[in-house]
Amino acid sequence: QLVESGGGLVQAGGSLKLSCAASGFTFDDYAIAWFRQAPGKEREGVAQLRPSGGTIYADSFEGRFTISRDGAKNTLYLQMNNLTPEDTAVYYCNAPTNRGTYWGPGTQVTVVS
């Protein structure tokens, strides 16, 4: 099970830190990721964190967003800086495990100018 939190309303140029708490499996064992879905658009990948600690970012987010995890808390994070109204979306965490692919219910991020 995955549960995201930390979304909200923020002004353009501001920051938010999203969290995704996992239960039933260990984040450290899998390549976990953040996705987002803006109104009227398809879900898109934001960033991925591999078991090795390596990270991959979609071009739009490199330098503004940072994915990380806390193994002790089994929690994934997404630090988002310099937000723009185009970042308004529901943000989801994703974990493809050997028992299936898990998605959280999402957390809404709204950026106003």
Protein backbone atom coordinates (compact mmCIF):
# COMPACT_ATOMS: atom_id res chain seq x y z
CA GLN A 1 0.00 0.00 0.00
CA LEU A 2 1.15 3.52 -0.83
CA VAL A 3 -0.17 6.76 0.60
CA GLU A 4 0.94 10.17 -0.64
CA SER A 5 0.78 13.38 1.35
CA GLY A 6 2.14 16.91 1.31
CA GLY A 7 0.19 18.36 -1.58
CA GLY A 8 -1.59 21.67 -1.35
CA LEU A 9 -1.93 25.16 -2.73
CA VAL A 10 1.23 27.15 -3.33
CA GLN A 11 2.17 30.32 -5.14
CA ALA A 12 4.32 30.28 -8.25
CA GLY A 13 7.97 30.21 -7.31
CA GLY A 14 7.25 28.34 -4.10
CA SER A 15 8.17 24.86 -2.93
CA LEU A 16 6.45 21.74 -1.66
CA LYS A 17 7.74 18.42 -0.40
CA LEU A 18 5.61 15.38 -1.12
CA SER A 19 5.81 12.16 0.86
CA CYS A 20 4.79 8.63 0.00
CA ALA A 21 4.61 6.11 2.81
CA ALA A 22 4.76 2.43 1.93
CA SER A 23 3.54 -0.60 3.81
CA GLY A 24 3.78 -4.28 2.95
CA PHE A 25 7.08 -4.04 1.12
CA THR A 26 10.43 -2.29 1.38
CA PHE A 27 11.11 0.69 -0.85
CA ASP A 28 14.83 0.01 -0.91
CA ASP A 29 14.29 -3.18 -2.92
CA TYR A 30 12.63 -1.59 -5.97
CA ALA A 31 12.87 1.19 -8.53
CA ILE A 32 10.24 3.58 -7.19
CA ALA A 33 8.92 6.63 -8.94
CA TRP A 34 6.79 9.73 -8.92
CA PHE A 35 4.26 10.38 -11.68
CA ARG A 36 1.81 13.19 -12.17
CA GLN A 37 -1.39 13.80 -14.09
CA ALA A 38 -2.52 17.29 -14.97
CA PRO A 39 -6.15 18.04 -15.86
CA GLY A 40 -6.95 16.80 -19.35
CA LYS A 41 -3.51 15.25 -19.82
CA GLU A 42 -2.03 11.79 -19.63
CA ARG A 43 -0.10 10.62 -16.61
CA GLU A 44 3.61 11.34 -17.01
CA GLY A 45 6.73 10.21 -15.24
CA VAL A 46 8.53 12.73 -13.06
CA ALA A 47 11.44 10.93 -11.42
CA GLN A 48 12.65 7.46 -10.50
CA LEU A 49 14.88 6.27 -7.67
CA ARG A 50 16.65 2.94 -8.12
CA PRO A 51 17.69 0.52 -5.35
CA SER A 52 21.29 1.56 -6.00
CA GLY A 53 20.38 5.15 -5.17
CA GLY A 54 20.65 6.27 -8.77
CA THR A 55 18.05 8.73 -9.98
CA ILE A 56 16.42 9.54 -13.31
CA TYR A 57 14.44 12.68 -14.00
CA ALA A 58 12.26 13.63 -16.92
CA ASP A 59 13.77 16.63 -18.68
CA SER A 60 11.13 19.05 -17.45
CA PHE A 61 11.99 18.43 -13.81
CA GLU A 62 15.77 18.06 -13.69
CA GLY A 63 17.20 20.76 -11.46
CA ARG A 64 13.86 21.72 -9.89
CA PHE A 65 12.67 18.45 -8.37
CA THR A 66 14.59 16.02 -6.16
CA ILE A 67 13.53 12.45 -5.41
CA SER A 68 14.80 10.78 -2.26
CA ARG A 69 13.86 8.13 0.28
CA ASP A 70 14.20 7.39 3.96
CA GLY A 71 14.76 3.68 4.36
CA ALA A 72 14.11 3.73 8.09
CA LYS A 73 10.70 5.28 7.51
CA ASN A 74 10.07 3.38 4.26
CA THR A 75 9.04 6.70 2.76
CA LEU A 76 9.67 8.29 -0.62
CA TYR A 77 9.92 12.03 -1.07
CA LEU A 78 9.70 14.55 -3.86
CA GLN A 79 11.09 17.99 -3.15
CA MET A 80 9.66 20.45 -5.66
CA ASN A 81 11.14 23.91 -6.04
CA ASN A 82 10.41 26.90 -8.25
CA LEU A 83 6.91 25.66 -8.95
CA THR A 84 4.88 27.06 -11.83
CA PRO A 85 1.15 26.84 -12.61
CA GLU A 86 2.08 24.16 -15.19
CA ASP A 87 3.07 21.93 -12.28
CA THR A 88 -0.55 21.78 -11.13
CA ALA A 89 -1.47 18.10 -11.12
CA VAL A 90 -2.23 15.09 -9.00
CA TYR A 91 1.05 13.48 -8.00
CA TYR A 92 1.30 9.73 -7.55
CA CYS A 93 3.99 7.41 -6.29
CA ASN A 94 4.55 4.10 -8.00
CA ALA A 95 6.30 0.92 -6.98
CA PRO A 96 6.64 -2.04 -9.35
CA THR A 97 7.27 -4.95 -7.00
CA ASN A 98 7.52 -8.69 -7.47
CA ARG A 99 3.98 -8.93 -6.14
CA GLY A 100 2.53 -6.40 -8.53
CA THR A 101 2.64 -2.69 -9.29
CA TYR A 102 1.39 -0.38 -6.57
CA TRP A 103 -0.02 3.11 -6.98
CA GLY A 104 -1.04 5.52 -4.29
CA PRO A 105 -4.32 7.47 -4.47
CA GLY A 106 -2.42 10.66 -5.29
CA THR A 107 -2.03 14.08 -3.72
CA GLN A 108 -3.21 17.29 -5.37
CA VAL A 109 -0.72 20.07 -6.03
CA THR A 110 -2.13 23.40 -7.16
CA VAL A 111 0.18 26.26 -8.12
CA VAL A 112 -1.33 29.72 -8.52
CA SER A 113 0.28 32.77 -10.06
